[in-house]
Structure formats: structure tokens, C-alpha cells
Protein backbone atom coordinates (compact mmCIF):
# COMPACT_ATOMS: atom_id res chain seq x y z
CA MET A 1 -25.43 18.91 20.53
CA THR A 2 -25.85 15.66 22.43
CA GLY A 3 -23.75 12.53 22.35
CA LEU A 4 -20.23 11.45 23.19
CA THR A 5 -17.12 12.84 21.52
CA THR A 6 -13.39 12.52 22.11
CA HIS A 7 -10.22 14.23 20.97
CA VAL A 8 -6.66 12.92 21.41
CA LEU A 9 -3.64 15.20 21.47
CA ASP A 10 -0.07 13.92 21.49
CA THR A 11 1.55 16.33 23.94
CA ALA A 12 5.05 14.96 23.27
CA SER A 13 4.87 15.87 19.57
CA GLY A 14 2.54 18.84 19.97
CA LYS A 15 0.16 17.41 17.37
CA PRO A 16 -3.21 15.67 17.17
CA ALA A 17 -2.92 11.90 17.59
CA GLU A 18 -3.83 10.60 14.14
CA GLY A 19 -4.52 6.88 13.71
CA LEU A 20 -5.14 6.04 17.38
CA LYS A 21 -7.57 3.14 17.89
CA ILE A 22 -10.30 3.60 20.52
CA ASP A 23 -12.74 0.92 21.68
CA LEU A 24 -16.02 1.88 23.37
CA TYR A 25 -17.75 -0.38 25.91
CA ARG A 26 -20.98 -0.13 27.88
CA LEU A 27 -20.57 -1.49 31.40
CA ARG A 28 -23.31 -3.54 33.04
CA GLY A 29 -22.07 -4.56 36.45
CA GLU A 30 -18.99 -6.68 35.82
CA ALA A 31 -19.91 -7.25 32.16
CA ARG A 32 -18.48 -5.16 29.30
CA GLU A 33 -20.46 -4.88 26.07
CA LYS A 34 -18.37 -3.67 23.14
CA ILE A 35 -20.23 -0.98 21.24
CA GLY A 36 -17.63 -0.27 18.60
CA THR A 37 -14.15 0.78 17.53
CA VAL A 38 -13.07 4.07 15.98
CA ILE A 39 -9.79 5.47 14.69
CA THR A 40 -8.80 9.10 15.14
CA ASN A 41 -8.41 11.26 12.04
CA SER A 42 -5.73 13.85 11.20
CA ASP A 43 -7.25 16.23 13.77
CA GLY A 44 -7.16 13.59 16.55
CA ARG A 45 -10.95 13.36 16.41
CA VAL A 46 -13.42 10.78 15.13
CA ASP A 47 -14.80 11.14 11.61
CA GLY A 48 -18.45 12.12 11.88
CA GLY A 49 -17.79 13.76 15.25
CA SER A 50 -19.53 11.47 17.70
CA VAL A 51 -18.42 8.18 19.18
CA LEU A 52 -21.91 7.58 20.58
CA ILE A 53 -25.13 9.27 19.48
CA GLY A 54 -28.81 8.60 18.88
CA GLU A 55 -30.51 5.48 20.20
CA THR A 56 -27.25 4.06 21.56
CA PHE A 57 -26.63 7.18 23.68
CA VAL A 58 -28.30 6.06 26.90
CA ILE A 59 -27.78 6.59 30.62
CA GLY A 60 -25.15 4.26 31.99
CA GLU A 61 -21.51 3.58 32.67
CA TYR A 62 -19.03 3.44 29.81
CA GLU A 63 -15.38 2.82 29.09
CA LEU A 64 -13.22 4.29 26.34
CA VAL A 65 -10.09 2.20 25.75
CA PHE A 66 -7.30 4.14 24.04
CA HIS A 67 -4.63 1.97 22.37
CA ALA A 68 -1.81 4.40 23.14
CA GLY A 69 1.10 1.96 22.85
CA ASP A 70 0.19 0.94 19.31
CA TYR A 71 -0.15 4.59 18.32
CA LEU A 72 3.17 5.59 19.91
CA ARG A 73 5.04 2.67 18.31
CA ALA A 74 3.56 3.57 14.91
CA CYS A 75 4.92 7.10 15.43
CA GLY A 76 8.41 5.68 15.93
CA VAL A 77 8.54 6.13 19.69
CA THR A 78 10.75 3.52 21.39
CA LEU A 79 8.85 2.16 24.37
CA THR A 80 10.10 0.01 27.21
CA GLN A 81 8.99 -3.62 27.36
CA PRO A 82 6.46 -3.69 28.77
CA ALA A 83 5.44 -0.16 27.85
CA PHE A 84 4.76 2.16 30.77
CA LEU A 85 1.48 3.16 29.07
CA ASP A 86 0.02 0.76 26.55
CA VAL A 87 -3.76 0.57 26.84
CA ILE A 88 -5.51 3.43 28.66
CA PRO A 89 -9.07 2.70 29.91
CA ILE A 90 -11.19 5.65 30.99
CA ARG A 91 -14.44 4.84 32.78
CA PHE A 92 -17.16 7.45 33.08
CA GLY A 93 -20.91 7.80 33.51
CA ILE A 94 -23.56 9.35 31.31
CA SER A 95 -26.43 10.63 33.43
CA ASP A 96 -28.16 13.06 31.03
CA VAL A 97 -28.96 12.02 27.46
CA THR A 98 -29.83 15.61 26.55
CA ALA A 99 -26.25 16.71 27.26
CA HIS A 100 -22.98 16.57 25.37
CA TYR A 101 -20.16 14.51 26.89
CA HIS A 102 -16.63 15.16 25.63
CA VAL A 103 -13.77 12.97 26.91
CA PRO A 104 -10.44 14.27 25.59
CA LEU A 105 -7.11 12.56 26.13
CA LEU A 106 -3.79 14.40 26.37
CA LEU A 107 -1.15 11.75 25.78
CA SER A 108 2.62 11.26 26.02
CA PRO A 109 4.68 8.06 26.42
CA TYR A 110 4.86 8.52 30.21
CA GLY A 111 1.67 10.33 31.16
CA TYR A 112 -1.84 11.29 30.22
CA SER A 113 -4.69 13.42 31.45
CA THR A 114 -8.39 13.64 30.76
CA TYR A 115 -11.37 15.66 31.88
CA ARG A 116 -14.99 16.28 30.92
CA GLY A 117 -14.68 18.82 28.15
CA SER A 118 -17.21 20.86 26.26
């Protein structure tokens, strides 16, 4: 399997983060080109599996922008103003278009972690 996937888990609730908006950008120097927006499903994943696949899956630098504050507020979490974590950008590079890139996000109101998954 090739392409880019993501998975968001809400570590505070112990559940997948359903309904979290994620924007995907391709970076070209200082410019950001928006590729699209997806919303996580009941499993915290993207319907159809991939965020980026096929002809759009090319070598380059990318940014996933997770709208964590909106998700947390929709779940009834009371956040400070401004929220400690609101929008979480994760920048990464794709260097091999024959590979699978998985960028998961483990999220709580006051922390997050990510890694290159499988």
C-alpha cells in the first residue's frame, strides 16, 4: 500500500477522535498549497483510507493541520481562552512514492504526540 494515511486517537477519552477536521497542504518553499480537507470517521480515520494517493502522492514537503480545539469543544471539553492546543500543524517529508506514510495523532487537551506509523 502506498499513500498517506492518518489516525487520530483522543487519549483523554480513550476513544477514536470522530469528527476532527484535518487540512492537508503541500509546501513549496514559503508557499502552502491546500490539497484538501478531510473529517475523521467513527474510527478516527479518513473514509476511503488515504488522505493522499495516486497522482497527487509526490515527493515533497507536506503539512497536516489538525483542528483539535474545534474537536475538543464539540466533545464538551472546556478549554482556556485562548486554548492551550487549538490548531496542530505537523510538517513532514515524503521521499519515496512507493512507500506508505502514516501520520497518527494522539491527542488530549494539553498534549499530543505523533510518529511515522505503519
